[in-house]
Amino acid sequence: MTTRTLLLALAGAMCVSAAATAAGPEARPARRPAVQLGPRPYFLVHDMADGALKRTLQQCSDGPFHKSDFSIGHRGAALQFPEHTVESYTAGARLGAGILECDVTFTKDKELVCRHAQNDLHTTTNILLTPLAGKCTRPFSPAVLGSGGQIITPASAECRTSDITLAEFKSLRGKMDAFNPAAQTPAQFVGGTAGFRTDLYSGPTSGTLMTHRESIELFKSLGTKMTPELKSPSVAMPFDGFTQADYAQKMIDEYKAAGVPPRDLFPQSFDKGDVLYWIRHEPAYGRRAVYLDDAETVADLPGFADLVGYKQDGINIWAPPTFALLTVDSANQIVASQAAKDARAAGLDIITWTLERSGILADGNNGFYYQTFDSAVSREGDVMRVIDALARDVGVRGIFSDWAAPVTYYANCMGLK
């Protein structure tokens, strides 16, 4: 059985449509999953404060719902499924994400795989519970605890994709990205999943890791577009003769070999050099390249002149974190930030990241993504107001989310493709 055949079988097995299920055991599974949003968008809309937006969204409750490029599956559906796995990607497509993301890094034998970072295997897979733990850059070290159980030195480890071969990587299982800083054993270390997430889909028969090539075939079978992110290496480059340019080119080459047209691809990087490489060497794909912004605070954001410079360099899409694009007005309403206005004035399209990563919103203190407008957020349903402000006030072309369904619901309701 070829890799493509296996992926199609997996996608088909996991994506039986509602119609096929209702038709009985003789019905055949659909090749592409029907969009099924589940209860979360309805919960969020119901939880909204009364107002015109809530009434508009309520009127869309019966659907129908379709995939939307406005809805981007961040690492698949990472709110509940181990990120960058077959199961997570398939769930993301089921939730209506029109675009799915494979974060791209490489193994010891320089093969491309889907992982959020080159050095995250200790927190995103079961590697520490396997014999491959002996190959990690830094082996597991237990926490040093005080007499009262307080953490003096947290438990640690570092396991890189570049520590192991592709075959070894494929033997691992994905899990929720988490660790227990008080761990005394590897088995304890691999716990620590946040309370608003779940380990229900992290069992020994799930969490199927993927090569980059396999992700391309899966996304094609799911009928989604693709937004790979070239991750910064944890190793010094060149790596065994493999240069940064080789790395950037290899990623694009795998899409070209798979017949993916430029219109279906949004390559991303936090490294401006990677984006400019694609613009210069692969212009058909580079025109849709996404320059990710790693700002931590408002003070870190580019000014208007910088944004104009991006456009002059050939960059067409800027992707900052959500806090960069929103602020509050004198009435404490969520509105577009100055950076958002500057980006639009500079002629840039905007994509933002990431919703559904902040846990319970009603308890306040919602952290990084909400830092510029948290005063206007007081309930779970306010996430729909955030989506609305990003769409109407900022004019983003897409929103990354760890659970695509609410963004898909909004996009369908408002007629966004």
Protein backbone atom coordinates (compact mmCIF):
# COMPACT_ATOMS: atom_id res chain seq x y z
CA MET A 1 0.00 0.00 0.00
CA THR A 2 1.43 3.38 -0.99
CA THR A 3 1.62 6.33 1.40
CA ARG A 4 -1.05 8.17 -0.59
CA THR A 5 -3.37 5.14 -0.50
CA LEU A 6 -2.84 4.78 3.25
CA LEU A 7 -3.60 8.45 3.88
CA LEU A 8 -6.72 8.36 1.76
CA ALA A 9 -7.87 5.30 3.67
CA LEU A 10 -7.21 6.99 7.00
CA ALA A 11 -9.00 10.16 5.95
CA GLY A 12 -11.94 8.21 4.60
CA ALA A 13 -12.21 6.05 7.71
CA MET A 14 -12.23 9.11 9.97
CA CYS A 15 -14.49 11.27 7.83
CA VAL A 16 -17.75 9.42 7.33
CA SER A 17 -20.37 11.99 6.45
CA ALA A 18 -23.56 12.45 8.44
CA ALA A 19 -25.56 11.37 5.41
CA ALA A 20 -23.58 8.18 4.99
CA THR A 21 -23.93 7.37 8.68
CA ALA A 22 -27.69 7.83 8.54
CA ALA A 23 -27.99 5.71 5.43
CA GLY A 24 -26.87 2.57 7.24
CA PRO A 25 -23.98 0.09 7.10
CA GLU A 26 -23.96 -0.21 3.32
CA ALA A 27 -23.24 3.50 2.80
CA ARG A 28 -19.71 4.30 1.72
CA PRO A 29 -17.56 6.82 3.66
CA ALA A 30 -17.11 10.21 2.03
CA ARG A 31 -13.66 10.97 0.69
CA ARG A 32 -13.83 14.57 1.93
CA PRO A 33 -15.37 15.24 5.33
CA ALA A 34 -18.65 17.06 5.57
CA VAL A 35 -18.37 20.14 7.78
CA GLN A 36 -19.74 19.40 11.24
CA LEU A 37 -19.14 22.22 13.70
CA GLY A 38 -20.26 20.53 16.92
CA PRO A 39 -21.65 22.39 19.94
CA ARG A 40 -18.89 24.94 20.61
CA PRO A 41 -19.98 27.73 18.21
CA TYR A 42 -23.54 27.47 19.52
CA PHE A 43 -22.31 27.62 23.11
CA LEU A 44 -20.27 30.73 22.33
CA VAL A 45 -23.09 32.50 20.50
CA HIS A 46 -25.54 31.66 23.30
CA ASP A 47 -23.06 33.05 25.85
CA MET A 48 -22.75 36.41 24.08
CA ALA A 49 -24.28 39.51 25.62
CA ASP A 50 -27.51 40.49 23.90
CA GLY A 51 -27.05 42.70 20.86
CA ALA A 52 -27.19 42.95 17.09
CA LEU A 53 -24.18 40.68 16.48
CA LYS A 54 -25.61 37.92 18.66
CA ARG A 55 -28.97 38.11 16.89
CA THR A 56 -27.30 37.96 13.48
CA LEU A 57 -25.23 34.93 14.45
CA GLN A 58 -28.23 33.16 15.95
CA GLN A 59 -30.04 33.40 12.63
CA CYS A 60 -27.34 31.21 11.04
CA SER A 61 -27.73 28.32 13.45
CA ASP A 62 -29.26 25.93 10.93
CA GLY A 63 -26.43 26.34 8.40
CA PRO A 64 -25.58 24.89 5.99
CA PHE A 65 -21.89 25.20 6.74
CA HIS A 66 -18.98 24.83 4.33
CA LYS A 67 -15.21 25.09 4.48
CA SER A 68 -13.86 28.63 4.44
CA ASP A 69 -10.36 29.93 3.72
CA PHE A 70 -11.07 32.53 6.42
CA SER A 71 -10.83 29.64 8.90
CA ILE A 72 -7.28 28.28 9.27
CA GLY A 73 -6.60 25.14 11.30
CA HIS A 74 -3.63 25.96 13.56
CA ARG A 75 -1.60 22.75 13.81
CA GLY A 76 -4.85 21.01 12.82
CA ALA A 77 -7.29 21.09 15.72
CA ALA A 78 -4.87 21.44 18.60
CA LEU A 79 -7.42 22.39 21.26
CA GLN A 80 -8.35 18.70 21.63
CA PHE A 81 -6.11 16.65 19.32
CA PRO A 82 -2.32 16.17 19.45
CA GLU A 83 -1.00 18.77 17.03
CA HIS A 84 0.38 17.96 13.59
CA THR A 85 -1.11 14.47 13.50
CA VAL A 86 -3.42 12.76 11.02
CA GLU A 87 -6.19 12.90 13.61
CA SER A 88 -5.70 16.61 14.33
CA TYR A 89 -5.61 17.60 10.67
CA THR A 90 -8.68 15.54 9.83
CA ALA A 91 -10.57 17.10 12.73
CA GLY A 92 -9.55 20.57 11.52
CA ALA A 93 -11.00 19.86 8.08
CA ARG A 94 -14.17 18.47 9.66
CA LEU A 95 -14.49 21.76 11.60
CA GLY A 96 -14.47 23.68 8.33
CA ALA A 97 -10.90 24.94 8.11
CA GLY A 98 -10.27 25.72 4.47
CA ILE A 99 -6.52 25.93 5.11
CA LEU A 100 -4.41 23.59 7.27
CA GLU A 101 -0.93 24.14 8.67
CA CYS A 102 2.07 21.81 8.74
CA ASP A 103 4.93 23.36 10.68
CA VAL A 104 8.00 22.06 8.86
CA THR A 105 11.30 20.93 10.33
CA PHE A 106 13.82 18.19 9.49
CA THR A 107 15.22 14.95 10.85
CA LYS A 108 18.78 13.69 11.24
CA ASP A 109 18.64 12.38 7.66
CA LYS A 110 17.34 15.77 6.46
CA GLU A 111 13.79 14.64 5.72
CA LEU A 112 10.97 17.13 6.28
CA VAL A 113 8.36 16.40 8.94
CA CYS A 114 5.47 18.21 10.63
CA ARG A 115 6.38 19.50 14.12
CA HIS A 116 5.91 22.89 15.74
CA ALA A 117 9.61 23.07 16.58
CA GLN A 118 12.68 21.03 15.85
CA ASN A 119 13.24 20.60 19.57
CA ASP A 120 9.77 19.79 20.95
CA LEU A 121 9.62 16.00 20.76
CA HIS A 122 9.92 15.72 24.55
CA THR A 123 6.68 17.67 25.03
CA THR A 124 4.69 16.68 21.91
CA THR A 125 5.44 12.95 21.58
CA ASN A 126 6.07 9.87 23.68
CA ILE A 127 9.81 9.79 22.89
CA LEU A 128 10.88 9.86 26.55
CA LEU A 129 8.94 6.64 27.12
CA THR A 130 10.76 4.83 24.29
CA PRO A 131 14.33 3.61 23.71
CA LEU A 132 14.82 6.68 21.48
CA ALA A 133 15.07 8.77 24.66
CA GLY A 134 18.73 7.78 24.72
CA LYS A 135 19.31 9.77 21.52
CA CYS A 136 17.91 13.07 22.83
CA THR A 137 20.13 16.16 22.89
CA ARG A 138 19.49 16.45 26.65
CA PRO A 139 18.13 13.44 28.52
CA PHE A 140 15.36 13.72 31.09
CA SER A 141 16.39 15.43 34.31
CA PRO A 142 13.99 15.25 37.29
CA ALA A 143 12.78 18.31 39.12
CA VAL A 144 14.51 19.45 42.28
CA LEU A 145 11.81 19.93 44.89
CA GLY A 146 11.94 21.70 48.22
CA SER A 147 10.85 20.15 51.50
CA GLY A 148 7.34 21.50 50.97
CA GLY A 149 7.13 20.15 47.41
CA GLN A 150 7.85 23.52 45.81
CA ILE A 151 9.78 23.45 42.55
CA ILE A 152 13.36 24.66 42.95
CA THR A 153 14.54 23.49 39.52
CA PRO A 154 11.92 22.26 37.02
CA ALA A 155 12.18 18.92 35.28
CA SER A 156 13.70 19.19 31.81
CA ALA A 157 14.67 17.40 28.61
CA GLU A 158 15.34 18.31 24.99
CA CYS A 159 14.62 15.95 22.14
CA ARG A 160 15.01 17.15 18.55
CA THR A 161 13.80 15.77 15.26
CA SER A 162 17.43 16.17 14.16
CA ASP A 163 18.44 13.67 16.87
CA ILE A 164 16.67 10.81 15.06
CA THR A 165 16.06 9.47 11.56
CA LEU A 166 12.80 9.70 9.68
CA ALA A 167 12.06 6.02 10.35
CA GLU A 168 12.61 6.56 14.06
CA PHE A 169 10.42 9.68 14.02
CA LYS A 170 7.58 7.73 12.42
CA SER A 171 7.70 5.18 15.25
CA LEU A 172 6.61 7.83 17.78
CA ARG A 173 3.12 8.89 18.83
CA GLY A 174 1.91 12.45 19.20
CA LYS A 175 0.46 13.79 22.45
CA MET A 176 -0.78 17.11 23.75
CA ASP A 177 2.03 19.69 23.90
CA ALA A 178 2.66 19.79 27.65
CA PHE A 179 4.97 18.68 30.44
CA ASN A 180 4.90 18.44 34.22
CA PRO A 181 7.64 20.70 35.67
CA ALA A 182 7.51 18.82 38.99
CA ALA A 183 8.12 15.43 37.35
CA GLN A 184 10.42 12.93 39.01
CA THR A 185 10.15 10.35 36.22
CA PRO A 186 9.73 10.46 32.41
CA ALA A 187 6.21 9.03 32.83
CA GLN A 188 5.31 12.00 35.03
CA PHE A 189 7.05 14.48 32.71
CA VAL A 190 4.85 13.68 29.71
CA GLY A 191 1.74 14.77 31.65
CA GLY A 192 0.81 18.33 32.49
CA THR A 193 -1.93 18.88 29.89
CA ALA A 194 -3.79 22.16 30.52
CA GLY A 195 -7.19 21.78 32.13
CA PHE A 196 -9.03 23.31 29.17
CA ARG A 197 -7.56 20.69 26.81
CA THR A 198 -7.92 16.91 26.86
CA ASP A 199 -5.88 13.72 26.60
CA LEU A 200 -8.79 11.70 25.20
CA TYR A 201 -7.19 11.57 21.76
CA SER A 202 -3.61 10.88 22.86
CA GLY A 203 -3.81 7.11 23.21
CA PRO A 204 -1.45 4.43 21.88
CA THR A 205 -3.47 3.95 18.68
CA SER A 206 -3.78 7.65 17.81
CA GLY A 207 -1.43 10.64 17.53
CA THR A 208 -0.19 9.54 14.10
CA LEU A 209 2.89 11.58 13.18
CA MET A 210 3.38 12.78 9.61
CA THR A 211 6.09 13.60 7.14
CA HIS A 212 5.69 16.82 5.20
CA ARG A 213 4.99 14.86 2.01
CA GLU A 214 2.30 12.86 3.78
CA SER A 215 0.65 16.05 5.01
CA ILE A 216 0.44 17.32 1.44
CA GLU A 217 -1.34 14.18 0.29
CA LEU A 218 -3.67 14.22 3.28
CA PHE A 219 -4.59 17.87 2.76
CA LYS A 220 -5.28 17.19 -0.91
CA SER A 221 -7.57 14.32 0.06
CA LEU A 222 -9.35 16.55 2.59
CA GLY A 223 -9.87 19.28 0.00
CA THR A 224 -8.03 22.02 1.91
CA LYS A 225 -5.39 24.57 0.98
CA MET A 226 -2.04 24.50 2.76
CA THR A 227 0.05 26.90 4.84
CA PRO A 228 3.38 25.30 5.80
CA GLU A 229 5.61 27.18 8.22
CA LEU A 230 9.35 26.75 7.80
CA LYS A 231 10.54 26.51 11.41
CA SER A 232 13.81 27.99 12.57
CA PRO A 233 16.32 25.17 13.12
CA SER A 234 17.58 24.39 16.61
CA VAL A 235 20.83 23.14 15.09
CA ALA A 236 23.53 25.30 13.55
CA MET A 237 23.13 25.71 9.81
CA PRO A 238 24.38 24.39 7.50
CA PHE A 239 23.52 21.03 9.05
CA ASP A 240 25.67 18.30 7.51
CA GLY A 241 25.89 20.45 4.36
CA PHE A 242 22.16 21.30 4.40
CA THR A 243 21.91 25.10 4.13
CA GLN A 244 19.00 27.37 5.05
CA ALA A 245 18.41 27.97 1.33
CA ASP A 246 18.37 24.20 0.71
CA TYR A 247 15.81 23.86 3.50
CA ALA A 248 13.56 26.63 2.17
CA GLN A 249 13.79 25.26 -1.37
CA LYS A 250 13.16 21.66 -0.36
CA MET A 251 9.89 22.62 1.27
CA ILE A 252 8.62 24.27 -1.92
CA ASP A 253 9.99 21.46 -4.08
CA GLU A 254 7.82 18.93 -2.25
CA TYR A 255 4.70 20.93 -3.16
CA LYS A 256 5.81 21.24 -6.76
CA ALA A 257 6.48 17.51 -6.95
CA ALA A 258 2.98 16.84 -5.56
CA GLY A 259 1.40 19.14 -8.16
CA VAL A 260 0.12 21.70 -5.65
CA PRO A 261 -0.67 24.93 -7.56
CA PRO A 262 0.53 28.26 -6.12
CA ARG A 263 -3.07 29.35 -5.51
CA ASP A 264 -3.42 26.59 -2.90
CA LEU A 265 -0.27 27.38 -0.94
CA PHE A 266 0.64 30.02 1.65
CA PRO A 267 4.23 29.33 2.77
CA GLN A 268 5.11 31.02 6.07
CA SER A 269 8.14 31.96 8.11
CA PHE A 270 9.15 34.18 11.03
CA ASP A 271 12.47 34.59 9.21
CA LYS A 272 12.21 37.40 6.67
CA GLY A 273 15.12 35.83 4.80
CA ASP A 274 13.03 32.73 4.06
CA VAL A 275 10.13 34.82 2.74
CA LEU A 276 12.45 36.89 0.52
CA TYR A 277 14.08 33.68 -0.73
CA TRP A 278 10.72 32.39 -1.92
CA ILE A 279 9.83 35.75 -3.49
CA ARG A 280 13.08 35.77 -5.46
CA HIS A 281 13.49 32.09 -6.32
CA GLU A 282 9.91 30.79 -6.40
CA PRO A 283 7.88 33.91 -7.26
CA ALA A 284 4.67 32.06 -8.13
CA TYR A 285 4.60 30.69 -4.57
CA GLY A 286 6.41 33.65 -3.01
CA ARG A 287 3.64 36.08 -3.95
CA ARG A 288 1.46 34.31 -1.38
CA ALA A 289 4.18 33.90 1.25
CA VAL A 290 3.27 34.95 4.79
CA TYR A 291 5.70 36.95 6.92
CA LEU A 292 4.97 35.99 10.52
CA ASP A 293 5.58 38.63 13.17
CA ASP A 294 7.04 37.50 16.51
CA ALA A 295 6.20 40.66 18.48
CA GLU A 296 5.75 40.06 22.20
CA THR A 297 4.30 43.50 23.01
CA VAL A 298 2.97 46.55 21.18
CA ALA A 299 6.41 48.16 21.49
CA ASP A 300 7.86 45.33 19.36
CA LEU A 301 5.54 45.95 16.40
CA PRO A 302 6.79 47.43 13.12
CA GLY A 303 5.92 51.03 12.35
CA PHE A 304 4.25 52.31 9.21
CA ALA A 305 7.59 52.81 7.41
CA ASP A 306 8.58 49.21 8.19
CA LEU A 307 5.28 47.90 6.85
CA VAL A 308 5.70 49.95 3.66
CA GLY A 309 9.16 48.45 3.37
CA TYR A 310 7.72 44.93 3.56
CA LYS A 311 5.44 45.72 0.63
CA GLN A 312 8.31 47.22 -1.35
CA ASP A 313 10.29 44.01 -0.76
CA GLY A 314 7.49 42.02 -2.39
CA ILE A 315 5.85 40.77 0.81
CA ASN A 316 2.07 40.78 0.43
CA ILE A 317 0.83 39.14 3.65
CA TRP A 318 1.77 40.15 7.20
CA ALA A 319 0.74 37.87 10.07
CA PRO A 320 1.08 39.26 13.59
CA PRO A 321 -0.40 37.84 16.82
CA THR A 322 -3.98 38.90 17.50
CA PHE A 323 -3.14 41.46 20.18
CA ALA A 324 -1.26 43.49 17.54
CA LEU A 325 -4.42 44.13 15.54
CA LEU A 326 -6.92 45.07 18.23
CA THR A 327 -7.34 47.64 20.98
CA VAL A 328 -10.24 49.26 22.84
CA ASP A 329 -11.87 52.63 22.22
CA SER A 330 -13.14 55.16 24.78
CA ALA A 331 -16.29 53.08 25.24
CA ASN A 332 -14.19 49.92 25.89
CA GLN A 333 -15.27 48.38 22.59
CA ILE A 334 -12.89 46.17 20.59
CA VAL A 335 -11.60 48.03 17.53
CA ALA A 336 -8.73 47.95 15.04
CA SER A 337 -5.32 48.99 16.36
CA GLN A 338 -3.00 51.55 14.80
CA ALA A 339 -0.76 48.73 13.56
CA ALA A 340 -3.74 47.19 11.76
CA LYS A 341 -4.59 50.53 10.14
CA ASP A 342 -0.96 51.04 9.15
CA ALA A 343 -0.75 47.60 7.56
CA ARG A 344 -3.84 48.22 5.47
CA ALA A 345 -2.55 51.65 4.45
CA ALA A 346 0.72 50.02 3.39
CA GLY A 347 -1.23 47.71 1.07
CA LEU A 348 -0.64 44.52 3.03
CA ASP A 349 -3.10 41.69 3.49
CA ILE A 350 -3.32 40.43 7.07
CA ILE A 351 -3.62 37.00 8.68
CA THR A 352 -3.57 36.60 12.46
CA TRP A 353 -2.84 33.97 15.10
CA THR A 354 -4.17 32.34 17.30
CA LEU A 355 -7.66 31.92 18.76
CA GLU A 356 -8.71 29.16 21.18
CA ARG A 357 -5.32 29.02 22.92
CA SER A 358 -6.16 31.13 25.98
CA GLY A 359 -8.38 28.85 28.04
CA ILE A 360 -11.32 30.21 30.02
CA LEU A 361 -11.91 33.87 29.12
CA ALA A 362 -14.42 34.80 31.82
CA ASP A 363 -11.81 34.61 34.59
CA GLY A 364 -9.81 37.52 33.13
CA ASN A 365 -6.04 37.65 32.84
CA ASN A 366 -6.24 36.10 29.39
CA GLY A 367 -2.60 36.61 28.61
CA PHE A 368 -0.56 37.14 25.47
CA TYR A 369 -3.18 37.13 22.73
CA TYR A 370 -5.60 39.41 24.61
CA GLN A 371 -3.14 41.84 26.18
CA THR A 372 -4.33 44.94 24.28
CA PHE A 373 -8.08 44.44 24.68
CA ASP A 374 -8.57 42.16 27.68
CA SER A 375 -10.55 44.86 29.48
CA ALA A 376 -13.34 44.34 26.94
CA VAL A 377 -13.48 40.55 27.43
CA SER A 378 -15.58 39.15 30.26
CA ARG A 379 -17.25 35.98 28.97
CA GLU A 380 -16.62 33.04 26.66
CA GLY A 381 -18.96 34.41 24.00
CA ASP A 382 -16.72 37.44 23.59
CA VAL A 383 -14.52 35.37 21.29
CA MET A 384 -17.20 35.90 18.64
CA ARG A 385 -16.82 39.67 19.13
CA VAL A 386 -13.08 39.26 18.63
CA ILE A 387 -13.67 37.41 15.36
CA ASP A 388 -16.12 40.10 14.26
CA ALA A 389 -13.66 42.92 15.01
CA LEU A 390 -10.90 41.13 13.13
CA ALA A 391 -13.18 40.64 10.14
CA ARG A 392 -15.02 43.98 10.06
CA ASP A 393 -12.66 46.52 11.61
CA VAL A 394 -9.29 45.05 10.64
CA GLY A 395 -10.25 43.20 7.46
CA VAL A 396 -8.08 40.13 8.00
CA ARG A 397 -8.13 37.54 5.24
CA GLY A 398 -7.84 34.63 7.67
CA ILE A 399 -7.69 33.64 11.34
CA PHE A 400 -5.63 30.80 12.78
CA SER A 401 -7.47 28.90 15.48
CA ASP A 402 -6.81 25.81 17.59
CA TRP A 403 -10.49 24.90 17.10
CA ALA A 404 -11.72 26.10 13.72
CA ALA A 405 -15.48 25.69 14.26
CA PRO A 406 -16.29 29.16 15.71
CA VAL A 407 -14.37 30.94 12.94
CA THR A 408 -16.02 28.70 10.33
CA TYR A 409 -19.45 29.46 11.82
CA TYR A 410 -18.80 33.21 11.65
CA ALA A 411 -17.40 33.03 8.11
CA ASN A 412 -20.41 31.12 6.81
CA CYS A 413 -22.84 33.39 8.61
CA MET A 414 -21.23 36.52 7.17
CA GLY A 415 -20.68 35.12 3.68
CA LEU A 416 -16.88 35.04 3.89
CA LYS A 417 -15.26 32.57 1.53
